[in-house]
Amino acid sequence: MTSRGETASTEELRRLLAPARYILWDLDGPICRLFAGHPASEVARELVQLIRRQGLGGLLTEEEGFYLDPQAVLLEVDKRHPDSDLITRLEDWLTQHELLAVPTALPTPYADPLIRTWSGLGARFAITTNNSALAAASYIETRHLEGCFPCIYGRTRNLSQMKPHPHSLLQALDALGADPSQALMLGDAGTDYQAAQELGVPFLGYARDDQKLRHLTHVGVQASHVVRSLEEVLVAITCPL
């Protein structure tokens, strides 16, 4: 277990959250575990098999053929065939599997009450994800949270615009009319942090385990800007100073 002293204290969280009026949420991690019942590793394996069945196995190295993340497989193919019909087909295929994952996705502990409470306090939300916006919207509907998320921006067929590129964050800031200094990116990946850094958007990391915590701190996130549970955020926004 990681001690509380290694991550954000309630006081530090309050200082980070106080200016935040616009919250940019990553989907898979802070809001839910999208592939909880439809494992991402199996989706990645099926995607590799699909590529090989089309006689295109040479597009992937042996190591890439064992990737556990389907987005990583897709990005490797895109490096060799950007903006191609192949990428369009593979991205459509991945979107369909993300939609198939929605019914068995697991909500992140405390995510739903945090979303409802924070929204009720006046915060405005957007989703900025490397998953399909269709899958994000579908999941939000299953939790009856549509009213909290008027803006959802996800992966497009232009894969170069996936985070760490700040494209989805820029779309969200523009739609919300938000100044970056009054926004906050809530994510669990280095790509979330890098996209936020490029725009000057403050960042709060969510690390559900030690591996995630090491990943975030390795890419430069201050440990004091990481929480191990969204309950900590809920306490910080509801308990007065």
Protein backbone atom coordinates (compact mmCIF):
# COMPACT_ATOMS: atom_id res chain seq x y z
CA MET A 1 0.00 0.00 0.00
CA THR A 2 1.08 3.55 -0.62
CA SER A 3 0.90 5.91 2.31
CA ARG A 4 -1.33 8.96 2.19
CA GLY A 5 1.74 11.14 2.62
CA GLU A 6 2.97 10.09 -0.84
CA THR A 7 -0.11 11.50 -2.58
CA ALA A 8 -2.33 14.55 -2.23
CA SER A 9 -3.50 15.73 1.17
CA THR A 10 -6.97 17.22 1.55
CA GLU A 11 -5.48 20.69 1.96
CA GLU A 12 -3.34 20.33 -1.18
CA LEU A 13 -6.37 19.06 -3.09
CA ARG A 14 -8.43 22.05 -2.01
CA ARG A 15 -5.74 24.42 -3.27
CA LEU A 16 -5.59 22.63 -6.61
CA LEU A 17 -9.35 22.39 -6.99
CA ALA A 18 -10.31 25.85 -5.77
CA PRO A 19 -9.81 27.68 -9.11
CA ALA A 20 -11.29 24.85 -11.18
CA ARG A 21 -14.61 25.67 -12.81
CA TYR A 22 -14.29 23.40 -15.83
CA ILE A 23 -13.33 19.75 -15.40
CA LEU A 24 -11.99 17.76 -18.34
CA TRP A 25 -12.42 14.06 -17.57
CA ASP A 26 -10.67 11.15 -19.16
CA LEU A 27 -13.13 8.26 -19.50
CA ASP A 28 -11.31 4.97 -18.97
CA GLY A 29 -9.86 5.22 -15.49
CA PRO A 30 -11.36 8.21 -13.70
CA ILE A 31 -14.97 7.53 -14.75
CA CYS A 32 -15.02 3.78 -15.36
CA ARG A 33 -13.03 0.70 -16.22
CA LEU A 34 -14.34 0.40 -19.75
CA PHE A 35 -12.87 -3.03 -20.48
CA ALA A 36 -13.61 -4.63 -17.11
CA GLY A 37 -15.76 -7.36 -18.65
CA HIS A 38 -14.43 -7.26 -22.21
CA PRO A 39 -10.67 -7.29 -21.61
CA ALA A 40 -8.57 -4.85 -23.59
CA SER A 41 -5.88 -7.53 -23.96
CA GLU A 42 -8.35 -9.78 -25.81
CA VAL A 43 -9.46 -6.88 -28.01
CA ALA A 44 -5.81 -6.14 -28.83
CA ARG A 45 -5.20 -9.80 -29.70
CA GLU A 46 -8.26 -9.89 -31.97
CA LEU A 47 -7.16 -6.67 -33.66
CA VAL A 48 -3.73 -8.15 -34.40
CA GLN A 49 -5.41 -11.27 -35.81
CA LEU A 50 -7.65 -9.10 -37.99
CA ILE A 51 -4.62 -7.28 -39.38
CA ARG A 52 -2.86 -10.59 -40.10
CA ARG A 53 -5.94 -12.09 -41.79
CA GLN A 54 -5.80 -9.20 -44.24
CA GLY A 55 -2.25 -10.18 -45.11
CA LEU A 56 -0.84 -7.14 -43.34
CA GLY A 57 0.94 -8.79 -40.44
CA GLY A 58 4.19 -7.28 -41.68
CA LEU A 59 2.96 -3.89 -40.49
CA LEU A 60 3.63 -4.98 -36.91
CA THR A 61 6.86 -6.11 -35.31
CA GLU A 62 6.84 -9.31 -33.30
CA GLU A 63 6.79 -7.27 -30.08
CA GLU A 64 3.90 -5.10 -31.29
CA GLY A 65 1.91 -8.23 -32.06
CA PHE A 66 1.81 -8.94 -28.31
CA TYR A 67 0.65 -5.49 -27.20
CA LEU A 68 -2.11 -5.59 -24.58
CA ASP A 69 -3.61 -2.23 -25.56
CA PRO A 70 -5.65 -2.11 -28.79
CA GLN A 71 -5.08 1.64 -29.11
CA ALA A 72 -1.33 1.00 -29.10
CA VAL A 73 -1.74 -1.55 -31.91
CA LEU A 74 -3.84 0.89 -33.91
CA LEU A 75 -1.27 3.66 -33.46
CA GLU A 76 1.55 1.43 -34.69
CA VAL A 77 -0.36 0.65 -37.88
CA ASP A 78 -1.15 4.35 -38.30
CA LYS A 79 2.57 5.17 -38.23
CA ARG A 80 2.99 3.07 -41.39
CA HIS A 81 -0.36 3.80 -43.09
CA PRO A 82 -1.65 7.18 -41.83
CA ASP A 83 -4.94 8.57 -43.13
CA SER A 84 -5.67 5.35 -45.05
CA ASP A 85 -8.79 3.28 -45.67
CA LEU A 86 -7.14 0.60 -43.55
CA ILE A 87 -7.01 2.94 -40.55
CA THR A 88 -10.65 3.88 -41.12
CA ARG A 89 -11.67 0.20 -41.05
CA LEU A 90 -9.58 -0.62 -38.00
CA GLU A 91 -10.75 2.43 -36.09
CA ASP A 92 -14.37 1.52 -36.85
CA TRP A 93 -13.69 -2.02 -35.64
CA LEU A 94 -12.19 -0.76 -32.39
CA THR A 95 -15.12 1.60 -31.85
CA GLN A 96 -17.53 -1.32 -32.16
CA HIS A 97 -15.57 -3.30 -29.56
CA GLU A 98 -15.56 -0.31 -27.20
CA LEU A 99 -19.34 -0.15 -27.57
CA LEU A 100 -19.53 -3.88 -26.84
CA ALA A 101 -17.53 -3.23 -23.66
CA VAL A 102 -19.95 -0.63 -22.31
CA PRO A 103 -22.55 -3.02 -20.75
CA THR A 104 -19.88 -4.71 -18.63
CA ALA A 105 -17.86 -1.58 -17.79
CA LEU A 106 -17.40 -0.92 -14.07
CA PRO A 107 -17.88 2.56 -12.62
CA THR A 108 -14.83 3.87 -10.82
CA PRO A 109 -15.54 3.92 -7.08
CA TYR A 110 -17.05 7.28 -6.04
CA ALA A 111 -17.10 8.54 -9.66
CA ASP A 112 -20.88 8.81 -9.92
CA PRO A 113 -21.45 10.67 -6.63
CA LEU A 114 -18.45 12.91 -7.34
CA ILE A 115 -19.78 13.79 -10.79
CA ARG A 116 -23.28 14.54 -9.49
CA THR A 117 -22.05 16.50 -6.46
CA TRP A 118 -19.45 18.55 -8.32
CA SER A 119 -21.90 19.32 -11.10
CA GLY A 120 -24.46 20.36 -8.51
CA LEU A 121 -21.92 22.76 -7.03
CA GLY A 122 -21.62 24.49 -10.40
CA ALA A 123 -18.64 22.80 -12.08
CA ARG A 124 -18.99 22.26 -15.82
CA PHE A 125 -17.76 19.05 -17.37
CA ALA A 126 -16.46 17.63 -20.61
CA ILE A 127 -15.03 14.23 -21.49
CA THR A 128 -11.73 14.24 -23.40
CA THR A 129 -10.83 10.66 -24.19
CA ASN A 130 -8.79 8.55 -26.58
CA ASN A 131 -11.71 6.13 -26.69
CA SER A 132 -14.56 6.63 -29.11
CA ALA A 133 -16.91 9.46 -28.22
CA LEU A 134 -19.75 7.06 -29.11
CA ALA A 135 -18.59 4.63 -26.42
CA ALA A 136 -18.15 7.45 -23.90
CA ALA A 137 -21.66 8.76 -24.58
CA SER A 138 -23.09 5.24 -24.37
CA TYR A 139 -21.48 4.64 -20.99
CA ILE A 140 -22.63 8.00 -19.61
CA GLU A 141 -26.18 7.15 -20.67
CA THR A 142 -26.05 3.85 -18.75
CA ARG A 143 -25.25 5.84 -15.59
CA HIS A 144 -27.93 8.51 -16.33
CA LEU A 145 -25.27 11.21 -16.29
CA GLU A 146 -26.05 12.81 -19.67
CA GLY A 147 -27.01 16.10 -18.06
CA CYS A 148 -23.56 16.39 -16.49
CA PHE A 149 -21.64 15.92 -19.73
CA PRO A 150 -22.91 18.14 -22.56
CA CYS A 151 -19.49 17.94 -24.24
CA ILE A 152 -17.83 14.64 -25.17
CA TYR A 153 -14.75 14.54 -27.38
CA GLY A 154 -13.05 11.31 -28.34
CA ARG A 155 -10.84 9.59 -30.87
CA THR A 156 -11.26 10.53 -34.51
CA ARG A 157 -9.90 8.77 -37.58
CA ASN A 158 -7.04 11.27 -37.50
CA LEU A 159 -5.14 9.30 -34.89
CA SER A 160 -2.39 11.91 -34.70
CA GLN A 161 -4.89 14.00 -32.71
CA MET A 162 -5.13 11.48 -29.88
CA LYS A 163 -3.66 12.55 -26.56
CA PRO A 164 -0.88 13.54 -25.85
CA HIS A 165 -1.96 15.86 -28.67
CA PRO A 166 -4.23 18.44 -26.97
CA HIS A 167 -6.89 18.38 -29.73
CA SER A 168 -9.74 16.98 -27.60
CA LEU A 169 -8.89 19.31 -24.73
CA LEU A 170 -8.91 22.31 -27.07
CA GLN A 171 -12.33 21.27 -28.37
CA ALA A 172 -13.65 21.02 -24.82
CA LEU A 173 -12.21 24.35 -23.69
CA ASP A 174 -13.66 26.08 -26.74
CA ALA A 175 -17.09 24.50 -26.25
CA LEU A 176 -17.15 25.43 -22.57
CA GLY A 177 -15.73 28.92 -23.13
CA ALA A 178 -13.14 28.04 -20.53
CA ASP A 179 -9.89 29.75 -19.65
CA PRO A 180 -7.23 27.02 -19.21
CA SER A 181 -6.28 28.44 -15.80
CA GLN A 182 -9.83 27.78 -14.57
CA ALA A 183 -9.90 24.26 -15.95
CA LEU A 184 -8.63 20.96 -14.55
CA MET A 185 -7.76 17.76 -16.39
CA LEU A 186 -8.60 14.63 -14.40
CA GLY A 187 -6.80 11.65 -15.90
CA ASP A 188 -4.85 8.52 -15.15
CA ALA A 189 -2.29 8.45 -17.98
CA GLY A 190 0.83 10.29 -18.96
CA THR A 191 -0.84 11.28 -22.22
CA ASP A 192 -3.56 13.09 -20.24
CA TYR A 193 -0.91 14.99 -18.30
CA GLN A 194 1.13 15.86 -21.39
CA ALA A 195 -1.92 17.20 -23.24
CA ALA A 196 -2.88 19.32 -20.23
CA GLN A 197 0.67 20.61 -19.84
CA GLU A 198 0.75 21.80 -23.45
CA LEU A 199 -2.30 24.00 -22.85
CA GLY A 200 -1.42 25.17 -19.35
CA VAL A 201 -4.34 23.25 -17.82
CA PRO A 202 -3.77 22.12 -14.22
CA PHE A 203 -3.78 18.34 -13.79
CA LEU A 204 -5.07 15.93 -11.16
CA GLY A 205 -3.98 12.33 -11.51
CA TYR A 206 -6.05 9.33 -10.48
CA ALA A 207 -3.96 6.26 -9.61
CA ARG A 208 -6.01 3.22 -8.63
CA ASP A 209 -2.88 1.17 -7.91
CA ASP A 210 0.86 1.51 -7.34
CA GLN A 211 1.65 0.87 -11.00
CA LYS A 212 -0.51 3.81 -12.08
CA LEU A 213 1.07 6.00 -9.40
CA ARG A 214 4.57 5.13 -10.59
CA HIS A 215 3.55 5.80 -14.18
CA LEU A 216 2.17 9.25 -13.38
CA THR A 217 5.09 10.35 -11.24
CA HIS A 218 7.53 9.00 -13.84
CA VAL A 219 6.12 11.35 -16.50
CA GLY A 220 6.39 14.32 -14.15
CA VAL A 221 3.13 14.54 -12.20
CA GLN A 222 3.74 15.74 -8.66
CA ALA A 223 2.74 13.07 -6.15
CA SER A 224 0.84 15.80 -4.31
CA HIS A 225 -1.36 16.13 -7.42
CA VAL A 226 -2.37 12.45 -7.43
CA VAL A 227 -5.23 10.75 -5.58
CA ARG A 228 -5.67 7.04 -4.96
CA SER A 229 -9.45 7.30 -4.61
CA LEU A 230 -12.02 9.75 -5.93
CA GLU A 231 -13.44 9.79 -2.42
CA GLU A 232 -10.58 12.15 -1.61
CA VAL A 233 -11.81 14.59 -4.25
CA LEU A 234 -15.38 14.27 -3.03
CA VAL A 235 -14.27 15.12 0.50
CA ALA A 236 -12.17 18.04 -0.71
CA ILE A 237 -15.03 19.70 -2.63
CA THR A 238 -17.68 19.16 0.03
CA CYS A 239 -15.78 19.90 3.26
CA PRO A 240 -15.23 23.61 3.87
CA LEU A 241 -11.80 24.93 4.82
